[in-house]
N, C-alpha and C. Protein backbone atom coordinates (compact mmCIF):
# COMPACT_ATOMS: atom_id res chain seq x y z
N MET A 1 111.73 110.84 83.02
CA MET A 1 112.81 110.53 83.95
C MET A 1 114.16 110.93 83.35
N LYS A 2 114.33 110.62 82.07
CA LYS A 2 115.59 110.92 81.38
C LYS A 2 115.91 112.41 81.45
N LEU A 3 114.90 113.22 81.34
CA LEU A 3 115.08 114.68 81.41
C LEU A 3 115.78 115.08 82.71
N PHE A 4 115.40 114.46 83.82
CA PHE A 4 116.00 114.77 85.11
C PHE A 4 117.41 114.18 85.22
N LEU A 5 117.59 113.00 84.71
CA LEU A 5 118.91 112.35 84.76
C LEU A 5 119.94 113.11 83.93
N ASP A 6 119.52 113.65 82.81
CA ASP A 6 120.44 114.35 81.90
C ASP A 6 120.62 115.82 82.23
N SER A 7 119.84 116.34 83.15
CA SER A 7 119.86 117.77 83.42
C SER A 7 121.14 118.22 84.11
N PRO A 8 121.79 119.26 83.57
CA PRO A 8 122.96 119.82 84.25
C PRO A 8 122.57 120.69 85.45
N ASP A 9 121.29 121.07 85.53
CA ASP A 9 120.79 121.88 86.64
C ASP A 9 119.46 121.29 87.10
N PHE A 10 119.56 120.29 87.95
CA PHE A 10 118.41 119.50 88.38
C PHE A 10 117.27 120.36 88.94
N LEU A 11 117.58 121.27 89.86
CA LEU A 11 116.53 122.05 90.50
C LEU A 11 115.81 122.96 89.50
N SER A 12 116.55 123.51 88.55
CA SER A 12 115.91 124.33 87.51
C SER A 12 114.99 123.49 86.63
N THR A 13 115.40 122.27 86.37
CA THR A 13 114.56 121.37 85.57
C THR A 13 113.28 121.03 86.32
N VAL A 14 113.41 120.74 87.61
CA VAL A 14 112.22 120.46 88.43
C VAL A 14 111.29 121.68 88.42
N ALA A 15 111.85 122.86 88.58
CA ALA A 15 111.05 124.09 88.61
C ALA A 15 110.36 124.33 87.26
N SER A 16 111.09 124.17 86.16
CA SER A 16 110.47 124.44 84.85
C SER A 16 109.41 123.40 84.52
N GLU A 17 109.62 122.14 84.90
CA GLU A 17 108.61 121.11 84.66
C GLU A 17 107.38 121.33 85.55
N THR A 18 107.58 121.85 86.74
CA THR A 18 106.46 122.19 87.62
C THR A 18 105.65 123.33 87.01
N ASP A 19 106.35 124.33 86.48
CA ASP A 19 105.66 125.43 85.80
C ASP A 19 104.84 124.91 84.62
N LYS A 20 105.39 123.95 83.89
CA LYS A 20 104.66 123.36 82.76
C LYS A 20 103.41 122.64 83.25
N ASN A 21 103.51 121.97 84.40
CA ASN A 21 102.33 121.30 84.95
C ASN A 21 101.25 122.30 85.31
N VAL A 22 101.65 123.44 85.87
CA VAL A 22 100.68 124.48 86.22
C VAL A 22 99.99 125.00 84.95
N GLU A 23 100.78 125.22 83.91
CA GLU A 23 100.20 125.70 82.64
C GLU A 23 99.29 124.65 82.03
N ALA A 24 99.66 123.37 82.13
CA ALA A 24 98.82 122.28 81.62
C ALA A 24 97.50 122.24 82.38
N ALA A 25 97.55 122.46 83.69
CA ALA A 25 96.33 122.47 84.50
C ALA A 25 95.43 123.64 84.09
N ARG A 26 96.04 124.79 83.85
CA ARG A 26 95.25 125.95 83.41
C ARG A 26 94.61 125.68 82.06
N ALA A 27 95.37 125.05 81.17
CA ALA A 27 94.86 124.76 79.82
C ALA A 27 93.70 123.76 79.87
N VAL A 28 93.86 122.71 80.66
CA VAL A 28 92.82 121.67 80.69
C VAL A 28 91.53 122.15 81.37
N THR A 29 91.63 123.16 82.22
CA THR A 29 90.44 123.68 82.91
C THR A 29 89.88 124.95 82.26
N SER A 30 90.59 125.48 81.31
CA SER A 30 90.21 126.75 80.69
C SER A 30 88.78 126.71 80.12
N GLY A 31 87.98 127.67 80.55
CA GLY A 31 86.64 127.83 80.02
C GLY A 31 85.61 126.83 80.54
N LEU A 32 85.99 125.98 81.48
CA LEU A 32 85.06 124.97 81.96
C LEU A 32 84.24 125.47 83.15
N THR A 33 83.02 125.00 83.23
CA THR A 33 82.16 125.31 84.37
C THR A 33 82.47 124.34 85.51
N GLU A 34 81.96 124.64 86.70
CA GLU A 34 82.13 123.73 87.84
C GLU A 34 81.53 122.36 87.53
N THR A 35 80.41 122.36 86.82
CA THR A 35 79.76 121.09 86.45
C THR A 35 80.68 120.27 85.55
N GLN A 36 81.28 120.91 84.57
CA GLN A 36 82.20 120.20 83.67
C GLN A 36 83.43 119.71 84.43
N LEU A 37 83.98 120.55 85.29
CA LEU A 37 85.17 120.16 86.05
C LEU A 37 84.91 118.96 86.94
N ASN A 38 83.70 118.84 87.43
CA ASN A 38 83.35 117.77 88.36
C ASN A 38 82.66 116.58 87.69
N TRP A 39 82.53 116.59 86.37
CA TRP A 39 81.91 115.49 85.65
C TRP A 39 82.83 114.27 85.66
N GLN A 40 82.26 113.13 86.04
CA GLN A 40 83.01 111.86 86.05
C GLN A 40 82.49 110.96 84.93
N PRO A 41 83.40 110.38 84.15
CA PRO A 41 82.97 109.45 83.09
C PRO A 41 82.22 108.25 83.65
N SER A 42 82.61 107.82 84.85
CA SER A 42 81.92 106.72 85.54
C SER A 42 82.24 106.85 87.03
N ALA A 43 81.60 106.04 87.83
CA ALA A 43 81.84 106.10 89.28
C ALA A 43 83.27 105.71 89.63
N GLU A 44 83.91 104.92 88.78
CA GLU A 44 85.28 104.47 89.03
C GLU A 44 86.34 105.41 88.45
N GLN A 45 85.93 106.35 87.62
CA GLN A 45 86.87 107.26 86.96
C GLN A 45 86.75 108.66 87.54
N TRP A 46 87.90 109.32 87.66
CA TRP A 46 87.94 110.64 88.26
C TRP A 46 87.56 111.73 87.27
N SER A 47 87.02 112.79 87.83
CA SER A 47 86.75 114.01 87.07
C SER A 47 88.05 114.81 86.95
N ILE A 48 88.02 115.86 86.18
CA ILE A 48 89.17 116.76 86.06
C ILE A 48 89.48 117.36 87.43
N ALA A 49 88.44 117.80 88.15
CA ALA A 49 88.65 118.37 89.48
C ALA A 49 89.25 117.35 90.44
N GLN A 50 88.83 116.10 90.35
CA GLN A 50 89.40 115.07 91.21
C GLN A 50 90.87 114.80 90.89
N CYS A 51 91.23 114.85 89.62
CA CYS A 51 92.64 114.70 89.24
C CYS A 51 93.48 115.80 89.90
N LEU A 52 93.00 117.04 89.81
CA LEU A 52 93.72 118.16 90.42
C LEU A 52 93.73 118.05 91.94
N ASP A 53 92.61 117.64 92.52
CA ASP A 53 92.54 117.50 93.97
C ASP A 53 93.50 116.40 94.45
N HIS A 54 93.55 115.31 93.73
CA HIS A 54 94.47 114.22 94.07
C HIS A 54 95.92 114.72 94.08
N LEU A 55 96.30 115.49 93.07
CA LEU A 55 97.67 116.02 93.01
C LEU A 55 97.93 117.00 94.15
N THR A 56 96.94 117.81 94.47
CA THR A 56 97.07 118.76 95.58
C THR A 56 97.25 118.03 96.90
N VAL A 57 96.42 117.03 97.13
CA VAL A 57 96.49 116.26 98.38
C VAL A 57 97.83 115.53 98.48
N ALA A 58 98.27 114.90 97.39
CA ALA A 58 99.53 114.14 97.41
C ALA A 58 100.72 115.06 97.70
N THR A 59 100.79 116.19 97.02
CA THR A 59 101.91 117.11 97.24
C THR A 59 101.85 117.69 98.64
N ASN A 60 100.65 117.98 99.11
CA ASN A 60 100.48 118.50 100.46
C ASN A 60 101.00 117.51 101.51
N GLU A 61 100.80 116.23 101.30
CA GLU A 61 101.27 115.21 102.24
C GLU A 61 102.80 115.18 102.33
N PHE A 62 103.48 115.54 101.26
CA PHE A 62 104.94 115.57 101.26
C PHE A 62 105.49 116.74 102.06
N GLU A 63 104.73 117.84 102.13
CA GLU A 63 105.22 119.07 102.74
C GLU A 63 105.82 118.88 104.12
N LYS A 64 105.18 118.12 104.96
CA LYS A 64 105.66 117.97 106.34
C LYS A 64 107.02 117.24 106.41
N TYR A 65 107.42 116.60 105.32
CA TYR A 65 108.71 115.92 105.28
C TYR A 65 109.79 116.76 104.60
N PHE A 66 109.39 117.66 103.72
CA PHE A 66 110.36 118.48 102.99
C PHE A 66 111.17 119.38 103.91
N GLU A 67 110.48 120.18 104.72
CA GLU A 67 111.18 121.17 105.54
C GLU A 67 112.22 120.56 106.48
N PRO A 68 111.87 119.52 107.28
CA PRO A 68 112.89 118.93 108.16
C PRO A 68 114.04 118.30 107.37
N ALA A 69 113.73 117.71 106.22
CA ALA A 69 114.79 117.10 105.40
C ALA A 69 115.75 118.17 104.89
N ILE A 70 115.23 119.29 104.44
CA ILE A 70 116.07 120.38 103.93
C ILE A 70 116.91 120.96 105.06
N GLN A 71 116.33 121.17 106.23
CA GLN A 71 117.08 121.69 107.38
C GLN A 71 118.21 120.73 107.76
N ARG A 72 117.91 119.44 107.81
CA ARG A 72 118.91 118.44 108.15
C ARG A 72 120.05 118.45 107.12
N ALA A 73 119.69 118.58 105.86
CA ALA A 73 120.69 118.57 104.79
C ALA A 73 121.59 119.81 104.86
N ARG A 74 121.06 120.93 105.28
CA ARG A 74 121.89 122.15 105.42
C ARG A 74 123.04 121.90 106.39
N GLU A 75 122.79 121.12 107.42
CA GLU A 75 123.82 120.81 108.42
C GLU A 75 124.74 119.67 107.96
N LYS A 76 124.17 118.65 107.36
CA LYS A 76 124.94 117.44 107.04
C LYS A 76 125.54 117.39 105.64
N TRP A 77 124.82 117.91 104.65
CA TRP A 77 125.26 117.76 103.27
C TRP A 77 125.24 119.07 102.47
N PRO A 78 125.91 120.11 102.96
CA PRO A 78 125.97 121.33 102.15
C PRO A 78 126.88 121.10 100.94
N VAL A 79 126.55 121.74 99.83
CA VAL A 79 127.37 121.64 98.62
C VAL A 79 127.50 123.03 98.00
N THR A 80 128.57 123.22 97.25
CA THR A 80 128.73 124.48 96.53
C THR A 80 128.24 124.35 95.10
N ASN A 81 128.36 123.15 94.53
CA ASN A 81 127.85 122.90 93.18
C ASN A 81 126.69 121.92 93.27
N SER A 82 125.62 122.21 92.58
CA SER A 82 124.46 121.32 92.61
C SER A 82 124.80 119.99 91.95
N PRO A 83 124.55 118.89 92.65
CA PRO A 83 124.85 117.58 92.07
C PRO A 83 123.84 117.17 91.00
N ARG A 84 124.26 116.29 90.11
CA ARG A 84 123.34 115.71 89.13
C ARG A 84 122.41 114.76 89.86
N TYR A 85 121.26 114.56 89.32
CA TYR A 85 120.27 113.66 89.93
C TYR A 85 120.71 112.21 89.80
N LYS A 86 120.73 111.52 90.95
CA LYS A 86 121.00 110.09 91.00
C LYS A 86 119.87 109.44 91.78
N PRO A 87 118.94 108.77 91.09
CA PRO A 87 117.81 108.20 91.81
C PRO A 87 118.24 107.06 92.74
N SER A 88 117.58 106.97 93.88
CA SER A 88 117.79 105.81 94.74
C SER A 88 117.05 104.64 94.10
N MET A 89 117.32 103.44 94.55
CA MET A 89 116.67 102.28 93.94
C MET A 89 115.14 102.38 94.09
N LEU A 90 114.68 102.64 95.30
CA LEU A 90 113.25 102.73 95.54
C LEU A 90 112.64 103.95 94.86
N GLY A 91 113.31 105.09 94.98
CA GLY A 91 112.80 106.32 94.39
C GLY A 91 112.73 106.24 92.87
N GLY A 92 113.75 105.67 92.26
CA GLY A 92 113.75 105.51 90.80
C GLY A 92 112.62 104.59 90.34
N TRP A 93 112.42 103.51 91.09
CA TRP A 93 111.34 102.57 90.76
C TRP A 93 109.98 103.27 90.89
N LEU A 94 109.79 103.99 91.99
CA LEU A 94 108.52 104.67 92.22
C LEU A 94 108.26 105.74 91.17
N ALA A 95 109.29 106.47 90.79
CA ALA A 95 109.15 107.51 89.75
C ALA A 95 108.66 106.88 88.44
N LYS A 96 109.19 105.72 88.11
CA LYS A 96 108.74 105.03 86.89
C LYS A 96 107.29 104.59 87.00
N GLN A 97 106.86 104.20 88.19
CA GLN A 97 105.48 103.74 88.39
C GLN A 97 104.46 104.86 88.24
N VAL A 98 104.83 106.08 88.61
CA VAL A 98 103.88 107.20 88.55
C VAL A 98 104.05 108.07 87.32
N SER A 99 105.00 107.74 86.46
CA SER A 99 105.24 108.57 85.27
C SER A 99 104.11 108.40 84.26
N PRO A 100 103.94 109.36 83.37
CA PRO A 100 102.87 109.26 82.36
C PRO A 100 103.02 108.05 81.45
N GLU A 101 104.25 107.57 81.27
CA GLU A 101 104.49 106.44 80.37
C GLU A 101 104.23 105.09 81.02
N ALA A 102 104.02 105.05 82.32
CA ALA A 102 103.82 103.79 83.03
C ALA A 102 102.57 103.10 82.47
N PRO A 103 102.71 101.84 82.08
CA PRO A 103 101.57 101.15 81.46
C PRO A 103 100.48 100.72 82.45
N ARG A 104 100.86 100.53 83.70
CA ARG A 104 99.93 100.01 84.70
C ARG A 104 99.19 101.12 85.44
N ARG A 105 97.92 100.88 85.68
CA ARG A 105 97.15 101.77 86.56
C ARG A 105 97.47 101.39 87.99
N ILE A 106 97.60 102.40 88.82
CA ILE A 106 97.90 102.17 90.23
C ILE A 106 96.74 102.75 91.05
N THR A 107 96.28 102.01 92.02
CA THR A 107 95.24 102.53 92.90
C THR A 107 95.89 103.52 93.86
N ALA A 108 95.29 104.68 93.97
CA ALA A 108 95.84 105.73 94.84
C ALA A 108 95.76 105.28 96.30
N PRO A 109 96.85 105.47 97.06
CA PRO A 109 96.78 105.18 98.49
C PRO A 109 95.67 106.02 99.14
N LYS A 110 95.09 105.49 100.18
CA LYS A 110 93.96 106.13 100.84
C LYS A 110 94.21 107.60 101.18
N ILE A 111 95.41 107.92 101.68
CA ILE A 111 95.68 109.31 102.09
C ILE A 111 95.79 110.27 100.90
N PHE A 112 95.93 109.74 99.68
CA PHE A 112 96.05 110.58 98.49
C PHE A 112 94.75 110.66 97.68
N ARG A 113 93.70 110.03 98.14
CA ARG A 113 92.46 110.01 97.36
C ARG A 113 91.79 111.38 97.38
N PRO A 114 91.22 111.76 96.23
CA PRO A 114 90.54 113.06 96.15
C PRO A 114 89.18 113.01 96.81
N ALA A 115 88.60 114.19 96.94
CA ALA A 115 87.22 114.28 97.44
C ALA A 115 86.31 113.50 96.49
N VAL A 116 85.21 112.99 97.02
CA VAL A 116 84.33 112.13 96.24
C VAL A 116 83.48 112.92 95.24
N SER A 117 83.08 114.11 95.59
CA SER A 117 82.21 114.87 94.69
C SER A 117 82.48 116.37 94.80
N ASN A 118 81.85 117.10 93.93
CA ASN A 118 81.92 118.56 93.82
C ASN A 118 83.08 119.22 94.57
N ILE A 119 84.14 119.44 93.85
CA ILE A 119 85.35 120.04 94.41
C ILE A 119 85.44 121.48 93.91
N PRO A 120 85.15 122.46 94.76
CA PRO A 120 85.25 123.86 94.32
C PRO A 120 86.71 124.33 94.28
N ALA A 121 87.01 125.21 93.36
CA ALA A 121 88.32 125.86 93.26
C ALA A 121 89.48 124.87 93.15
N ALA A 122 89.29 123.78 92.43
CA ALA A 122 90.34 122.75 92.30
C ALA A 122 91.60 123.32 91.65
N LEU A 123 91.43 124.13 90.61
CA LEU A 123 92.60 124.71 89.94
C LEU A 123 93.35 125.64 90.88
N GLU A 124 92.64 126.51 91.56
CA GLU A 124 93.28 127.46 92.48
C GLU A 124 94.08 126.73 93.57
N LYS A 125 93.49 125.70 94.14
CA LYS A 125 94.17 124.93 95.18
C LYS A 125 95.42 124.25 94.62
N PHE A 126 95.30 123.70 93.41
CA PHE A 126 96.44 123.05 92.77
C PHE A 126 97.56 124.05 92.52
N VAL A 127 97.23 125.19 91.96
CA VAL A 127 98.24 126.22 91.64
C VAL A 127 98.93 126.70 92.92
N ASN A 128 98.17 126.93 93.98
CA ASN A 128 98.75 127.36 95.25
C ASN A 128 99.68 126.28 95.82
N GLN A 129 99.27 125.03 95.73
CA GLN A 129 100.10 123.94 96.23
C GLN A 129 101.40 123.84 95.43
N GLN A 130 101.32 124.02 94.13
CA GLN A 130 102.52 123.95 93.30
C GLN A 130 103.47 125.10 93.62
N ALA A 131 102.94 126.26 93.97
CA ALA A 131 103.77 127.40 94.37
C ALA A 131 104.54 127.05 95.65
N ARG A 132 103.85 126.41 96.60
CA ARG A 132 104.53 125.99 97.84
C ARG A 132 105.58 124.93 97.54
N PHE A 133 105.26 124.01 96.65
CA PHE A 133 106.22 122.99 96.24
C PHE A 133 107.48 123.64 95.66
N LEU A 134 107.29 124.65 94.82
CA LEU A 134 108.44 125.35 94.23
C LEU A 134 109.28 126.06 95.28
N ASP A 135 108.66 126.52 96.36
CA ASP A 135 109.43 127.11 97.46
C ASP A 135 110.41 126.09 98.03
N PHE A 136 109.95 124.85 98.22
CA PHE A 136 110.83 123.80 98.75
C PHE A 136 111.94 123.47 97.75
N VAL A 137 111.62 123.47 96.47
CA VAL A 137 112.64 123.21 95.45
C VAL A 137 113.71 124.29 95.53
N ARG A 138 113.32 125.54 95.60
CA ARG A 138 114.28 126.65 95.69
C ARG A 138 115.12 126.58 96.97
N GLU A 139 114.49 126.18 98.08
CA GLU A 139 115.20 126.06 99.35
C GLU A 139 116.25 124.95 99.32
N SER A 140 116.18 124.09 98.33
CA SER A 140 117.12 122.97 98.24
C SER A 140 118.43 123.34 97.54
N THR A 141 118.56 124.57 97.13
CA THR A 141 119.82 125.04 96.56
C THR A 141 120.88 124.99 97.66
N GLY A 142 122.05 124.44 97.32
CA GLY A 142 123.15 124.40 98.28
C GLY A 142 123.18 123.17 99.17
N ILE A 143 122.31 122.19 98.87
CA ILE A 143 122.36 120.93 99.63
C ILE A 143 122.48 119.76 98.65
N ASP A 144 122.95 118.63 99.17
CA ASP A 144 122.98 117.43 98.35
C ASP A 144 121.64 116.72 98.51
N TYR A 145 120.73 117.00 97.59
CA TYR A 145 119.38 116.46 97.64
C TYR A 145 119.34 114.97 97.33
N ASN A 146 120.44 114.42 96.77
CA ASN A 146 120.52 112.97 96.54
C ASN A 146 120.78 112.22 97.85
N LYS A 147 121.57 112.81 98.73
CA LYS A 147 121.89 112.17 100.02
C LYS A 147 120.82 112.43 101.07
N THR A 148 120.03 113.46 100.86
CA THR A 148 119.00 113.84 101.81
C THR A 148 117.83 112.87 101.70
N ARG A 149 117.56 112.13 102.75
CA ARG A 149 116.50 111.12 102.74
C ARG A 149 115.27 111.62 103.48
N LEU A 150 114.12 111.14 103.04
CA LEU A 150 112.87 111.40 103.74
C LEU A 150 111.99 110.17 103.59
N ARG A 151 111.03 110.07 104.48
CA ARG A 151 110.13 108.93 104.42
C ARG A 151 108.96 109.24 103.51
N SER A 152 108.37 108.21 103.02
CA SER A 152 107.20 108.36 102.17
C SER A 152 106.00 108.74 103.03
N PRO A 153 105.14 109.61 102.54
CA PRO A 153 103.92 109.92 103.28
C PRO A 153 102.97 108.72 103.37
N VAL A 154 103.17 107.74 102.50
CA VAL A 154 102.29 106.57 102.46
C VAL A 154 102.63 105.58 103.57
N THR A 155 103.93 105.33 103.76
CA THR A 155 104.35 104.37 104.77
C THR A 155 105.74 104.72 105.29
N PRO A 156 105.97 104.59 106.59
CA PRO A 156 107.30 104.91 107.13
C PRO A 156 108.37 103.89 106.69
N LEU A 157 107.94 102.78 106.12
CA LEU A 157 108.89 101.76 105.66
C LEU A 157 109.62 102.17 104.38
N MET A 158 109.03 103.09 103.64
CA MET A 158 109.64 103.53 102.38
C MET A 158 110.39 104.83 102.59
N ARG A 159 111.67 104.83 102.19
CA ARG A 159 112.49 106.04 102.26
C ARG A 159 113.20 106.22 100.93
N TYR A 160 113.31 107.46 100.51
CA TYR A 160 114.03 107.78 99.29
C TYR A 160 114.57 109.19 99.41
N SER A 161 115.27 109.64 98.38
CA SER A 161 115.91 110.94 98.47
C SER A 161 114.93 112.08 98.23
N LEU A 162 115.32 113.25 98.70
CA LEU A 162 114.55 114.46 98.44
C LEU A 162 114.43 114.68 96.93
N ALA A 163 115.52 114.43 96.22
CA ALA A 163 115.50 114.56 94.75
C ALA A 163 114.46 113.62 94.15
N ASP A 164 114.41 112.38 94.64
CA ASP A 164 113.39 111.43 94.17
C ASP A 164 112.00 111.98 94.41
N ALA A 165 111.76 112.54 95.59
CA ALA A 165 110.44 113.08 95.92
C ALA A 165 110.07 114.21 94.95
N PHE A 166 111.03 115.04 94.58
CA PHE A 166 110.77 116.11 93.62
C PHE A 166 110.38 115.53 92.26
N VAL A 167 111.15 114.54 91.80
CA VAL A 167 110.88 113.92 90.50
C VAL A 167 109.52 113.22 90.52
N ILE A 168 109.25 112.49 91.59
CA ILE A 168 107.97 111.78 91.72
C ILE A 168 106.81 112.77 91.66
N THR A 169 106.94 113.90 92.34
CA THR A 169 105.88 114.91 92.36
C THR A 169 105.61 115.44 90.96
N VAL A 170 106.66 115.75 90.21
CA VAL A 170 106.49 116.29 88.85
C VAL A 170 105.91 115.24 87.91
N LEU A 171 106.47 114.03 87.91
CA LEU A 171 105.98 112.98 87.00
C LEU A 171 104.54 112.58 87.33
N HIS A 172 104.25 112.50 88.61
CA HIS A 172 102.90 112.18 89.05
C HIS A 172 101.93 113.24 88.53
N GLY A 173 102.36 114.50 88.60
CA GLY A 173 101.53 115.59 88.06
C GLY A 173 101.29 115.42 86.57
N GLN A 174 102.32 115.10 85.83
CA GLN A 174 102.18 114.91 84.38
C GLN A 174 101.20 113.79 84.07
N ARG A 175 101.28 112.72 84.85
CA ARG A 175 100.41 111.56 84.63
C ARG A 175 98.93 111.95 84.80
N HIS A 176 98.61 112.63 85.90
CA HIS A 176 97.20 112.94 86.15
C HIS A 176 96.69 114.12 85.35
N LEU A 177 97.56 115.00 84.92
CA LEU A 177 97.13 116.07 84.02
C LEU A 177 96.80 115.48 82.64
N ALA A 178 97.55 114.47 82.23
CA ALA A 178 97.22 113.76 80.98
C ALA A 178 95.87 113.05 81.13
N GLN A 179 95.63 112.48 82.30
CA GLN A 179 94.35 111.83 82.59
C GLN A 179 93.22 112.85 82.51
N ALA A 180 93.41 114.02 83.09
CA ALA A 180 92.40 115.08 83.05
C ALA A 180 92.13 115.51 81.61
N ARG A 181 93.19 115.61 80.81
CA ARG A 181 93.04 115.97 79.40
C ARG A 181 92.20 114.92 78.66
N ARG A 182 92.44 113.64 78.96
CA ARG A 182 91.66 112.57 78.31
C ARG A 182 90.18 112.67 78.70
N VAL A 183 89.90 113.03 79.95
CA VAL A 183 88.50 113.20 80.38
C VAL A 183 87.85 114.30 79.55
N ARG A 184 88.53 115.42 79.39
CA ARG A 184 87.97 116.55 78.64
C ARG A 184 87.74 116.19 77.17
N GLU A 185 88.55 115.30 76.63
CA GLU A 185 88.45 114.93 75.22
C GLU A 185 87.44 113.81 74.95
N MET A 186 86.83 113.26 75.98
CA MET A 186 85.86 112.19 75.78
C MET A 186 84.64 112.71 75.02
N PRO A 187 84.12 111.91 74.10
CA PRO A 187 82.95 112.35 73.34
C PRO A 187 81.74 112.68 74.22
N GLN A 188 81.60 111.98 75.34
CA GLN A 188 80.45 112.21 76.22
C GLN A 188 80.66 113.36 77.21
N PHE A 189 81.83 114.02 77.16
CA PHE A 189 82.10 115.13 78.08
C PHE A 189 81.03 116.21 77.85
N PRO A 190 80.42 116.72 78.94
CA PRO A 190 79.35 117.72 78.78
C PRO A 190 79.86 118.98 78.09
N LYS A 191 79.07 119.46 77.17
CA LYS A 191 79.47 120.64 76.38
C LYS A 191 79.18 121.94 77.12
N VAL A 192 78.25 121.95 78.03
CA VAL A 192 77.94 123.16 78.79
C VAL A 192 77.68 122.82 80.23
């Protein structure tokens, strides 16, 4: 979170951290078979493919809110200089909850749950979704993304800034990519 707060160029930081997430996903899946990608430590724990699928589904759910929010901001909150990131109260709290450092496990909302079994092309879907996410980040140049509000895909009662949504997406990615890495490092992880 501090990285985003201290950044003199918020959108570039979001983009570079997203690129790092894509590289982390490639690294954690490198050389693995479909069987290994879909191996679950237990029925309650996700496979590497499920971690990637969860991130793809979650980011995809945000998409329908990004475009209208950006269009609205072009009319209402154009800026010539990109503002520094200022989290909203709810957005800042949520970003802390989904960050890799968060001590508590959170149950994924129903709409963000991954497929139950055998997920083909999980990496490809994740990488494509991240590319679309980066398109929205780039389209946010020239608007005040702190003032631009959107609703949460989970519930219409929750609203936060577009900037918060970007930070939440990146931190959430870091959290589940770390989870995927831990799955691969388990002693019982299948070797072939």
